[in-house]
Amino acid sequence: QQQQQQQQQQSEEPPVSTELLRHWINAAKLCDVGLLQQLLALEPRMLCMRGPGGLGHTALHWAAAKDGAVCQGTVTIEVVSEEARTVKWLLSRGAPPGLRNAEGATPLHAAARNGRLAAADALLAACADRAFPQDSGGGELSWLLGAVDGDGDTAESLAIRHGHMPLVDLLRQYATRASGG
């Protein structure tokens, strides 16, 4: 009965303005935590919403693709912030790391494709000890590591294809942890 009441209340809420959602997504692309804080205070539902059009990335997808150190080959180069502050902030506010974009990719796929080592580490660390109902064992970490996007790629296969070897090593360390090794 409580669930029905909550659903009814949610359906009575006006839709989120497309303009506000665009500002939210742009703030995530810029890794602007201050602006994200202001916008989230205006509309908390945006935390889990996909951006309009295109890839359908959530704010966490964009932050994972843009924030943190980038690894090129075997070298790590700092870009926006070494510690992936935006990714960590979104996760701390409850952004689900397993949400998929329009192409079936998770934020971890976005981090792996773009070589964002610190962002991937933040996403994986957030999942490391949490149970996940979709998974039959190993928790959310195991599920996230094994998640396949619409092209059939895991985060590891994307990191390998794009030559982000430090990220591949990180993913394998977490996979060992998820399997109890």
N, C-alpha and C. Protein backbone atom coordinates (compact mmCIF):
# COMPACT_ATOMS: atom_id res chain seq x y z
N GLN A 1 0.83 -1.19 0.00
CA GLN A 1 0.00 0.00 0.00
C GLN A 1 0.88 1.26 0.00
N GLN A 2 1.96 1.24 0.80
CA GLN A 2 2.88 2.38 0.83
C GLN A 2 3.51 2.59 -0.55
N GLN A 3 3.86 1.48 -1.21
CA GLN A 3 4.47 1.58 -2.53
C GLN A 3 3.50 2.23 -3.52
N GLN A 4 2.24 1.86 -3.44
CA GLN A 4 1.23 2.44 -4.33
C GLN A 4 1.10 3.94 -4.08
N GLN A 5 1.12 4.33 -2.80
CA GLN A 5 1.02 5.75 -2.46
C GLN A 5 2.23 6.52 -3.00
N GLN A 6 3.43 5.93 -2.86
CA GLN A 6 4.64 6.58 -3.37
C GLN A 6 4.59 6.72 -4.88
N GLN A 7 4.13 5.66 -5.57
CA GLN A 7 4.02 5.71 -7.02
C GLN A 7 3.02 6.77 -7.46
N GLN A 8 1.92 6.87 -6.73
CA GLN A 8 0.90 7.86 -7.07
C GLN A 8 1.46 9.27 -6.88
N GLN A 9 2.21 9.48 -5.77
CA GLN A 9 2.81 10.79 -5.54
C GLN A 9 3.80 11.13 -6.64
N GLN A 10 4.61 10.14 -7.04
CA GLN A 10 5.59 10.38 -8.09
C GLN A 10 4.92 10.70 -9.42
N SER A 11 3.82 10.02 -9.72
CA SER A 11 3.14 10.28 -10.99
C SER A 11 2.46 11.65 -10.99
N GLU A 12 2.19 12.19 -9.82
CA GLU A 12 1.57 13.51 -9.72
C GLU A 12 2.60 14.64 -9.82
N GLU A 13 3.88 14.30 -9.66
CA GLU A 13 4.93 15.32 -9.76
C GLU A 13 5.07 15.76 -11.21
N PRO A 14 5.31 17.03 -11.43
CA PRO A 14 5.52 17.49 -12.81
C PRO A 14 6.83 16.92 -13.36
N PRO A 15 6.91 16.75 -14.67
CA PRO A 15 8.16 16.23 -15.24
C PRO A 15 9.30 17.23 -15.04
N VAL A 16 10.50 16.71 -15.05
CA VAL A 16 11.69 17.56 -14.93
C VAL A 16 11.84 18.35 -16.22
N SER A 17 12.10 19.61 -16.09
CA SER A 17 12.29 20.49 -17.25
C SER A 17 13.49 20.01 -18.07
N THR A 18 13.32 19.94 -19.38
CA THR A 18 14.40 19.54 -20.27
C THR A 18 15.58 20.49 -20.15
N GLU A 19 15.30 21.76 -19.99
CA GLU A 19 16.36 22.76 -19.84
C GLU A 19 17.17 22.52 -18.57
N LEU A 20 16.48 22.25 -17.46
CA LEU A 20 17.16 21.97 -16.20
C LEU A 20 18.00 20.70 -16.32
N LEU A 21 17.46 19.68 -16.97
CA LEU A 21 18.20 18.43 -17.16
C LEU A 21 19.44 18.67 -18.03
N ARG A 22 19.32 19.50 -19.03
CA ARG A 22 20.50 19.82 -19.87
C ARG A 22 21.58 20.53 -19.06
N HIS A 23 21.17 21.45 -18.19
CA HIS A 23 22.14 22.13 -17.31
C HIS A 23 22.83 21.11 -16.40
N TRP A 24 22.07 20.18 -15.86
CA TRP A 24 22.59 19.13 -14.99
C TRP A 24 23.64 18.30 -15.73
N ILE A 25 23.30 17.85 -16.93
CA ILE A 25 24.22 17.02 -17.71
C ILE A 25 25.46 17.83 -18.09
N ASN A 26 25.29 19.08 -18.49
CA ASN A 26 26.45 19.92 -18.83
C ASN A 26 27.36 20.14 -17.63
N ALA A 27 26.79 20.31 -16.45
CA ALA A 27 27.60 20.46 -15.23
C ALA A 27 28.41 19.19 -14.98
N ALA A 28 27.81 18.03 -15.25
CA ALA A 28 28.54 16.77 -15.10
C ALA A 28 29.66 16.66 -16.12
N LYS A 29 29.41 17.08 -17.35
CA LYS A 29 30.45 17.05 -18.39
C LYS A 29 31.63 17.93 -18.01
N LEU A 30 31.34 19.03 -17.31
CA LEU A 30 32.39 19.96 -16.88
C LEU A 30 33.00 19.57 -15.53
N CYS A 31 32.45 18.54 -14.91
CA CYS A 31 32.89 18.10 -13.58
C CYS A 31 32.80 19.24 -12.57
N ASP A 32 31.72 19.99 -12.64
CA ASP A 32 31.49 21.15 -11.79
C ASP A 32 30.61 20.74 -10.60
N VAL A 33 31.26 20.29 -9.53
CA VAL A 33 30.53 19.80 -8.35
C VAL A 33 29.68 20.90 -7.72
N GLY A 34 30.18 22.12 -7.68
CA GLY A 34 29.40 23.22 -7.10
C GLY A 34 28.07 23.42 -7.82
N LEU A 35 28.11 23.43 -9.14
CA LEU A 35 26.89 23.60 -9.91
C LEU A 35 25.99 22.37 -9.79
N LEU A 36 26.59 21.19 -9.77
CA LEU A 36 25.79 19.97 -9.58
C LEU A 36 25.04 20.02 -8.25
N GLN A 37 25.71 20.48 -7.20
CA GLN A 37 25.06 20.60 -5.89
C GLN A 37 23.85 21.52 -5.96
N GLN A 38 24.02 22.66 -6.58
CA GLN A 38 22.92 23.63 -6.70
C GLN A 38 21.75 23.03 -7.49
N LEU A 39 22.05 22.38 -8.59
CA LEU A 39 20.99 21.82 -9.44
C LEU A 39 20.29 20.64 -8.77
N LEU A 40 21.06 19.81 -8.07
CA LEU A 40 20.44 18.67 -7.39
C LEU A 40 19.51 19.13 -6.29
N ALA A 41 19.85 20.24 -5.63
CA ALA A 41 18.97 20.79 -4.60
C ALA A 41 17.63 21.23 -5.22
N LEU A 42 17.66 21.69 -6.46
CA LEU A 42 16.44 22.11 -7.15
C LEU A 42 15.59 20.91 -7.59
N GLU A 43 16.26 19.83 -8.02
CA GLU A 43 15.54 18.68 -8.56
C GLU A 43 16.30 17.38 -8.29
N PRO A 44 16.04 16.75 -7.12
CA PRO A 44 16.76 15.53 -6.75
C PRO A 44 16.56 14.35 -7.70
N ARG A 45 15.47 14.34 -8.45
CA ARG A 45 15.22 13.22 -9.37
C ARG A 45 16.25 13.13 -10.49
N MET A 46 16.98 14.21 -10.75
CA MET A 46 17.94 14.20 -11.86
C MET A 46 19.10 13.25 -11.62
N LEU A 47 19.35 12.90 -10.38
CA LEU A 47 20.48 12.03 -10.05
C LEU A 47 20.48 10.75 -10.88
N CYS A 48 19.31 10.22 -11.18
CA CYS A 48 19.20 8.95 -11.90
C CYS A 48 18.69 9.11 -13.34
N MET A 49 18.58 10.33 -13.80
CA MET A 49 17.99 10.57 -15.12
C MET A 49 19.05 10.61 -16.22
N ARG A 50 18.67 10.07 -17.38
CA ARG A 50 19.52 10.14 -18.56
C ARG A 50 19.33 11.49 -19.23
N GLY A 51 20.40 11.97 -19.83
CA GLY A 51 20.33 13.21 -20.57
C GLY A 51 19.48 13.06 -21.81
N PRO A 52 18.93 14.14 -22.28
CA PRO A 52 18.08 14.07 -23.47
C PRO A 52 18.89 13.81 -24.74
N GLY A 53 18.40 12.92 -25.58
CA GLY A 53 19.03 12.65 -26.87
C GLY A 53 20.37 11.95 -26.77
N GLY A 54 20.99 11.74 -27.89
CA GLY A 54 22.34 11.20 -27.96
C GLY A 54 22.52 9.87 -27.26
N LEU A 55 23.57 9.79 -26.48
CA LEU A 55 23.94 8.55 -25.80
C LEU A 55 23.02 8.20 -24.63
N GLY A 56 22.32 9.19 -24.13
CA GLY A 56 21.47 8.94 -22.96
C GLY A 56 22.29 8.71 -21.70
N HIS A 57 23.43 9.38 -21.61
CA HIS A 57 24.27 9.27 -20.42
C HIS A 57 23.58 9.93 -19.22
N THR A 58 23.79 9.34 -18.05
CA THR A 58 23.44 10.00 -16.80
C THR A 58 24.60 10.93 -16.44
N ALA A 59 24.42 11.73 -15.40
CA ALA A 59 25.51 12.58 -14.93
C ALA A 59 26.72 11.73 -14.54
N LEU A 60 26.46 10.57 -13.94
CA LEU A 60 27.57 9.70 -13.53
C LEU A 60 28.33 9.17 -14.74
N HIS A 61 27.64 8.84 -15.82
CA HIS A 61 28.33 8.43 -17.05
C HIS A 61 29.29 9.53 -17.52
N TRP A 62 28.77 10.78 -17.58
CA TRP A 62 29.60 11.88 -18.06
C TRP A 62 30.77 12.13 -17.13
N ALA A 63 30.53 12.12 -15.84
CA ALA A 63 31.63 12.34 -14.89
C ALA A 63 32.68 11.23 -15.02
N ALA A 64 32.22 9.99 -15.18
CA ALA A 64 33.16 8.87 -15.34
C ALA A 64 33.97 9.01 -16.62
N ALA A 65 33.38 9.57 -17.65
CA ALA A 65 34.08 9.74 -18.93
C ALA A 65 35.03 10.93 -18.93
N LYS A 66 34.80 11.89 -18.05
CA LYS A 66 35.56 13.15 -18.10
C LYS A 66 36.46 13.41 -16.90
N ASP A 67 36.16 12.81 -15.74
CA ASP A 67 36.83 13.16 -14.49
C ASP A 67 37.94 12.17 -14.18
N GLY A 68 38.97 12.65 -13.56
CA GLY A 68 40.03 11.78 -13.08
C GLY A 68 41.21 11.71 -14.03
N ALA A 69 42.21 10.96 -13.62
CA ALA A 69 43.43 10.81 -14.41
C ALA A 69 43.16 9.94 -15.63
N VAL A 70 43.81 10.27 -16.73
CA VAL A 70 43.70 9.48 -17.95
C VAL A 70 44.97 8.67 -18.11
N CYS A 71 44.82 7.40 -18.43
CA CYS A 71 46.02 6.60 -18.69
C CYS A 71 46.17 6.42 -20.19
N GLN A 72 47.33 6.70 -20.69
CA GLN A 72 47.66 6.52 -22.10
C GLN A 72 48.77 5.48 -22.17
N GLY A 73 48.44 4.32 -22.70
CA GLY A 73 49.42 3.24 -22.71
C GLY A 73 49.72 2.83 -21.28
N THR A 74 50.96 2.97 -20.88
CA THR A 74 51.34 2.61 -19.51
C THR A 74 51.57 3.84 -18.64
N VAL A 75 51.30 5.03 -19.18
CA VAL A 75 51.53 6.28 -18.45
C VAL A 75 50.20 6.87 -18.03
N THR A 76 50.13 7.40 -16.81
CA THR A 76 48.93 8.06 -16.33
C THR A 76 49.15 9.57 -16.36
N ILE A 77 48.21 10.27 -17.00
CA ILE A 77 48.29 11.73 -17.14
C ILE A 77 47.11 12.34 -16.42
N GLU A 78 47.36 13.31 -15.54
CA GLU A 78 46.26 13.97 -14.83
C GLU A 78 45.55 14.92 -15.79
N VAL A 79 44.22 14.90 -15.76
CA VAL A 79 43.46 15.83 -16.60
C VAL A 79 42.61 16.72 -15.72
N VAL A 80 41.38 16.35 -15.40
CA VAL A 80 40.50 17.23 -14.63
C VAL A 80 40.90 17.23 -13.16
N SER A 81 40.81 16.10 -12.52
CA SER A 81 41.26 15.98 -11.13
C SER A 81 41.72 14.56 -10.93
N GLU A 82 42.84 14.41 -10.31
CA GLU A 82 43.42 13.08 -10.16
C GLU A 82 42.50 12.15 -9.39
N GLU A 83 41.73 12.70 -8.45
CA GLU A 83 40.97 11.84 -7.55
C GLU A 83 39.51 11.61 -7.95
N ALA A 84 39.10 12.04 -9.12
CA ALA A 84 37.73 11.81 -9.61
C ALA A 84 36.69 12.33 -8.61
N ARG A 85 36.85 13.55 -8.20
CA ARG A 85 35.99 14.17 -7.18
C ARG A 85 34.52 14.16 -7.58
N THR A 86 34.22 14.43 -8.83
CA THR A 86 32.83 14.49 -9.29
C THR A 86 32.17 13.12 -9.21
N VAL A 87 32.87 12.10 -9.65
CA VAL A 87 32.34 10.74 -9.59
C VAL A 87 32.04 10.37 -8.14
N LYS A 88 32.99 10.64 -7.26
CA LYS A 88 32.79 10.32 -5.84
C LYS A 88 31.63 11.11 -5.25
N TRP A 89 31.48 12.36 -5.63
CA TRP A 89 30.38 13.17 -5.11
C TRP A 89 29.05 12.60 -5.57
N LEU A 90 28.92 12.28 -6.85
CA LEU A 90 27.67 11.71 -7.36
C LEU A 90 27.34 10.38 -6.67
N LEU A 91 28.34 9.54 -6.49
CA LEU A 91 28.13 8.27 -5.79
C LEU A 91 27.68 8.51 -4.35
N SER A 92 28.28 9.49 -3.69
CA SER A 92 27.93 9.78 -2.30
C SER A 92 26.50 10.29 -2.17
N ARG A 93 25.96 10.82 -3.24
CA ARG A 93 24.57 11.32 -3.24
C ARG A 93 23.58 10.23 -3.64
N GLY A 94 24.11 9.05 -3.99
CA GLY A 94 23.23 7.92 -4.31
C GLY A 94 23.08 7.61 -5.78
N ALA A 95 23.92 8.17 -6.63
CA ALA A 95 23.86 7.83 -8.06
C ALA A 95 24.19 6.35 -8.22
N PRO A 96 23.32 5.58 -8.85
CA PRO A 96 23.56 4.14 -9.01
C PRO A 96 24.64 3.86 -10.06
N PRO A 97 25.71 3.16 -9.68
CA PRO A 97 26.79 2.90 -10.63
C PRO A 97 26.42 1.92 -11.74
N GLY A 98 25.31 1.21 -11.58
CA GLY A 98 24.92 0.23 -12.58
C GLY A 98 23.91 0.71 -13.61
N LEU A 99 23.51 1.98 -13.55
CA LEU A 99 22.55 2.47 -14.55
C LEU A 99 23.17 2.42 -15.94
N ARG A 100 22.36 2.05 -16.91
CA ARG A 100 22.85 1.95 -18.29
C ARG A 100 22.38 3.14 -19.11
N ASN A 101 23.18 3.50 -20.10
CA ASN A 101 22.77 4.56 -21.02
C ASN A 101 21.95 3.94 -22.16
N ALA A 102 21.65 4.72 -23.18
CA ALA A 102 20.83 4.24 -24.29
C ALA A 102 21.49 3.10 -25.06
N GLU A 103 22.79 2.97 -24.96
CA GLU A 103 23.53 1.92 -25.66
C GLU A 103 23.88 0.75 -24.75
N GLY A 104 23.33 0.74 -23.55
CA GLY A 104 23.56 -0.36 -22.62
C GLY A 104 24.84 -0.27 -21.82
N ALA A 105 25.56 0.83 -21.92
CA ALA A 105 26.83 0.99 -21.21
C ALA A 105 26.59 1.55 -19.81
N THR A 106 27.41 1.10 -18.87
CA THR A 106 27.40 1.61 -17.50
C THR A 106 28.42 2.74 -17.39
N PRO A 107 28.42 3.48 -16.29
CA PRO A 107 29.48 4.48 -16.09
C PRO A 107 30.89 3.86 -16.12
N LEU A 108 31.01 2.60 -15.69
CA LEU A 108 32.32 1.94 -15.75
C LEU A 108 32.77 1.77 -17.20
N HIS A 109 31.85 1.46 -18.10
CA HIS A 109 32.19 1.40 -19.52
C HIS A 109 32.72 2.76 -19.99
N ALA A 110 32.06 3.84 -19.56
CA ALA A 110 32.48 5.19 -19.97
C ALA A 110 33.89 5.49 -19.45
N ALA A 111 34.16 5.11 -18.20
CA ALA A 111 35.50 5.33 -17.64
C ALA A 111 36.54 4.51 -18.38
N ALA A 112 36.22 3.25 -18.68
CA ALA A 112 37.16 2.36 -19.35
C ALA A 112 37.47 2.83 -20.76
N ARG A 113 36.44 3.22 -21.50
CA ARG A 113 36.63 3.69 -22.88
C ARG A 113 37.53 4.93 -22.92
N ASN A 114 37.41 5.78 -21.92
CA ASN A 114 38.14 7.05 -21.89
C ASN A 114 39.40 7.02 -21.04
N GLY A 115 39.74 5.86 -20.51
CA GLY A 115 40.97 5.72 -19.74
C GLY A 115 40.99 6.45 -18.42
N ARG A 116 39.84 6.59 -17.79
CA ARG A 116 39.74 7.34 -16.53
C ARG A 116 39.96 6.40 -15.34
N LEU A 117 41.21 6.26 -14.99
CA LEU A 117 41.64 5.34 -13.95
C LEU A 117 41.01 5.64 -12.59
N ALA A 118 41.08 6.88 -12.14
CA ALA A 118 40.54 7.24 -10.83
C ALA A 118 39.03 7.11 -10.80
N ALA A 119 38.37 7.45 -11.90
CA ALA A 119 36.91 7.31 -11.97
C ALA A 119 36.52 5.84 -11.87
N ALA A 120 37.22 4.98 -12.60
CA ALA A 120 36.94 3.55 -12.54
C ALA A 120 37.17 3.02 -11.13
N ASP A 121 38.25 3.44 -10.51
CA ASP A 121 38.54 3.00 -9.14
C ASP A 121 37.44 3.43 -8.18
N ALA A 122 36.95 4.67 -8.32
CA ALA A 122 35.88 5.16 -7.45
C ALA A 122 34.60 4.35 -7.65
N LEU A 123 34.25 4.06 -8.90
CA LEU A 123 33.05 3.27 -9.19
C LEU A 123 33.16 1.87 -8.62
N LEU A 124 34.31 1.25 -8.82
CA LEU A 124 34.51 -0.13 -8.34
C LEU A 124 34.55 -0.19 -6.82
N ALA A 125 35.22 0.77 -6.20
CA ALA A 125 35.29 0.81 -4.74
C ALA A 125 33.90 0.99 -4.13
N ALA A 126 33.06 1.78 -4.78
CA ALA A 126 31.70 2.01 -4.28
C ALA A 126 30.87 0.73 -4.32
N CYS A 127 31.21 -0.16 -5.23
CA CYS A 127 30.44 -1.40 -5.39
C CYS A 127 31.03 -2.58 -4.64
N ALA A 128 32.25 -2.45 -4.17
CA ALA A 128 33.01 -3.60 -3.69
C ALA A 128 32.32 -4.43 -2.62
N ASP A 129 31.62 -3.81 -1.70
CA ASP A 129 31.06 -4.58 -0.59
C ASP A 129 29.54 -4.58 -0.54
N ARG A 130 28.91 -4.15 -1.62
CA ARG A 130 27.45 -4.06 -1.61
C ARG A 130 26.82 -5.27 -2.28
N ALA A 131 25.73 -5.73 -1.71
CA ALA A 131 24.96 -6.80 -2.33
C ALA A 131 24.16 -6.19 -3.48
N PHE A 132 23.87 -6.99 -4.47
CA PHE A 132 23.14 -6.49 -5.63
C PHE A 132 22.12 -7.53 -6.05
N PRO A 133 20.84 -7.20 -6.03
CA PRO A 133 19.80 -8.19 -6.27
C PRO A 133 19.84 -8.85 -7.64
N GLN A 134 20.37 -8.20 -8.66
CA GLN A 134 20.40 -8.79 -10.00
C GLN A 134 21.47 -9.88 -10.12
N ASP A 135 22.35 -9.96 -9.15
CA ASP A 135 23.47 -10.86 -9.25
C ASP A 135 23.24 -12.09 -8.39
N SER A 136 23.66 -13.23 -8.88
CA SER A 136 23.47 -14.47 -8.12
C SER A 136 24.63 -14.76 -7.19
N GLY A 137 25.64 -13.93 -7.21
CA GLY A 137 26.79 -14.13 -6.34
C GLY A 137 27.86 -13.12 -6.66
N GLY A 138 28.61 -12.71 -5.66
CA GLY A 138 29.70 -11.77 -5.88
C GLY A 138 29.31 -10.32 -5.70
N GLY A 139 28.03 -10.06 -5.54
CA GLY A 139 27.59 -8.70 -5.27
C GLY A 139 27.61 -7.79 -6.49
N GLU A 140 27.42 -6.51 -6.21
CA GLU A 140 27.34 -5.52 -7.27
C GLU A 140 28.65 -5.39 -8.03
N LEU A 141 29.76 -5.56 -7.35
CA LEU A 141 31.07 -5.47 -8.00
C LEU A 141 31.19 -6.50 -9.12
N SER A 142 30.84 -7.73 -8.81
CA SER A 142 30.91 -8.80 -9.81
C SER A 142 30.01 -8.49 -11.00
N TRP A 143 28.79 -8.01 -10.70
CA TRP A 143 27.85 -7.68 -11.77
C TRP A 143 28.41 -6.56 -12.65
N LEU A 144 28.94 -5.51 -12.03
CA LEU A 144 29.44 -4.36 -12.79
C LEU A 144 30.63 -4.76 -13.67
N LEU A 145 31.53 -5.56 -13.14
CA LEU A 145 32.69 -6.00 -13.92
C LEU A 145 32.28 -6.85 -15.12
N GLY A 146 31.21 -7.62 -14.96
CA GLY A 146 30.75 -8.50 -16.04
C GLY A 146 29.72 -7.88 -16.96
N ALA A 147 29.28 -6.66 -16.66
CA ALA A 147 28.23 -6.02 -17.46
C ALA A 147 28.71 -5.83 -18.90
N VAL A 148 27.83 -6.18 -19.83
CA VAL A 148 28.13 -6.09 -21.26
C VAL A 148 27.27 -4.99 -21.86
N ASP A 149 27.89 -4.13 -22.66
CA ASP A 149 27.12 -3.05 -23.30
C ASP A 149 26.44 -3.57 -24.57
N GLY A 150 25.79 -2.69 -25.29
CA GLY A 150 25.05 -3.07 -26.49
C GLY A 150 25.92 -3.63 -27.60
N ASP A 151 27.22 -3.38 -27.56
CA ASP A 151 28.15 -3.91 -28.55
C ASP A 151 28.81 -5.20 -28.08
N GLY A 152 28.43 -5.68 -26.90
CA GLY A 152 29.00 -6.91 -26.37
C GLY A 152 30.31 -6.72 -25.62
N ASP A 153 30.63 -5.49 -25.27
CA ASP A 153 31.89 -5.21 -24.58
C ASP A 153 31.71 -5.09 -23.07
N THR A 154 32.70 -5.58 -22.34
CA THR A 154 32.80 -5.31 -20.91
C THR A 154 33.73 -4.10 -20.76
N ALA A 155 33.80 -3.58 -19.56
CA ALA A 155 34.73 -2.47 -19.31
C ALA A 155 36.17 -2.91 -19.61
N GLU A 156 36.51 -4.13 -19.25
CA GLU A 156 37.87 -4.62 -19.50
C GLU A 156 38.17 -4.69 -20.99
N SER A 157 37.24 -5.20 -21.78
CA SER A 157 37.52 -5.30 -23.22
C SER A 157 37.67 -3.91 -23.85
N LEU A 158 36.92 -2.93 -23.36
CA LEU A 158 37.08 -1.55 -23.86
C LEU A 158 38.43 -0.98 -23.47
N ALA A 159 38.84 -1.20 -22.22
CA ALA A 159 40.14 -0.69 -21.76
C ALA A 159 41.28 -1.32 -22.56
N ILE A 160 41.17 -2.61 -22.86
CA ILE A 160 42.20 -3.28 -23.67
C ILE A 160 42.22 -2.69 -25.08
N ARG A 161 41.06 -2.58 -25.70
CA ARG A 161 40.97 -2.07 -27.07
C ARG A 161 41.56 -0.67 -27.20
N HIS A 162 41.36 0.15 -26.18
CA HIS A 162 41.83 1.53 -26.25
C HIS A 162 43.22 1.73 -25.64
N GLY A 163 43.86 0.63 -25.24
CA GLY A 163 45.24 0.69 -24.76
C GLY A 163 45.43 1.29 -23.39
N HIS A 164 44.42 1.19 -22.54
CA HIS A 164 44.51 1.75 -21.19
C HIS A 164 44.94 0.65 -20.21
N MET A 165 46.22 0.26 -20.28
CA MET A 165 46.70 -0.90 -19.53
C MET A 165 46.66 -0.73 -18.02
N PRO A 166 46.96 0.43 -17.44
CA PRO A 166 46.81 0.56 -15.99
C PRO A 166 45.36 0.32 -15.55
N LEU A 167 44.42 0.71 -16.38
CA LEU A 167 43.01 0.49 -16.07
C LEU A 167 42.67 -0.99 -16.18
N VAL A 168 43.23 -1.67 -17.16
CA VAL A 168 43.04 -3.12 -17.29
C VAL A 168 43.53 -3.81 -16.02
N ASP A 169 44.71 -3.42 -15.55
CA ASP A 169 45.26 -4.00 -14.32
C ASP A 169 44.32 -3.76 -13.14
N LEU A 170 43.79 -2.54 -13.03
CA LEU A 170 42.87 -2.21 -11.94
C LEU A 170 41.61 -3.08 -12.02
N LEU A 171 41.03 -3.21 -13.20
CA LEU A 171 39.83 -4.04 -13.37
C LEU A 171 40.10 -5.49 -12.99
N ARG A 172 41.25 -5.99 -13.35
CA ARG A 172 41.61 -7.38 -13.01
C ARG A 172 41.82 -7.56 -11.50
N GLN A 173 42.38 -6.54 -10.85
CA GLN A 173 42.53 -6.61 -9.39
C GLN A 173 41.16 -6.70 -8.72
N TYR A 174 40.23 -5.88 -9.17
CA TYR A 174 38.88 -5.92 -8.60
C TYR A 174 38.16 -7.22 -8.95
N ALA A 175 38.41 -7.77 -10.13
CA ALA A 175 37.79 -9.04 -10.52
C ALA A 175 38.28 -10.16 -9.60
N THR A 176 39.56 -10.14 -9.27
CA THR A 176 40.11 -11.12 -8.33
C THR A 176 39.45 -10.97 -6.97
N ARG A 177 39.28 -9.75 -6.54
CA ARG A 177 38.61 -9.48 -5.26
C ARG A 177 37.17 -9.97 -5.28
N ALA A 178 36.47 -9.71 -6.39
CA ALA A 178 35.05 -10.11 -6.50
C ALA A 178 34.89 -11.62 -6.48
N SER A 179 35.88 -12.33 -7.01
CA SER A 179 35.79 -13.79 -7.06
C SER A 179 36.31 -14.44 -5.78
N GLY A 180 36.73 -13.61 -4.83
CA GLY A 180 37.19 -14.12 -3.55
C GLY A 180 38.65 -14.53 -3.55
N GLY A 181 39.37 -14.17 -4.61
CA GLY A 181 40.77 -14.56 -4.74
C GLY A 181 41.74 -13.61 -4.14
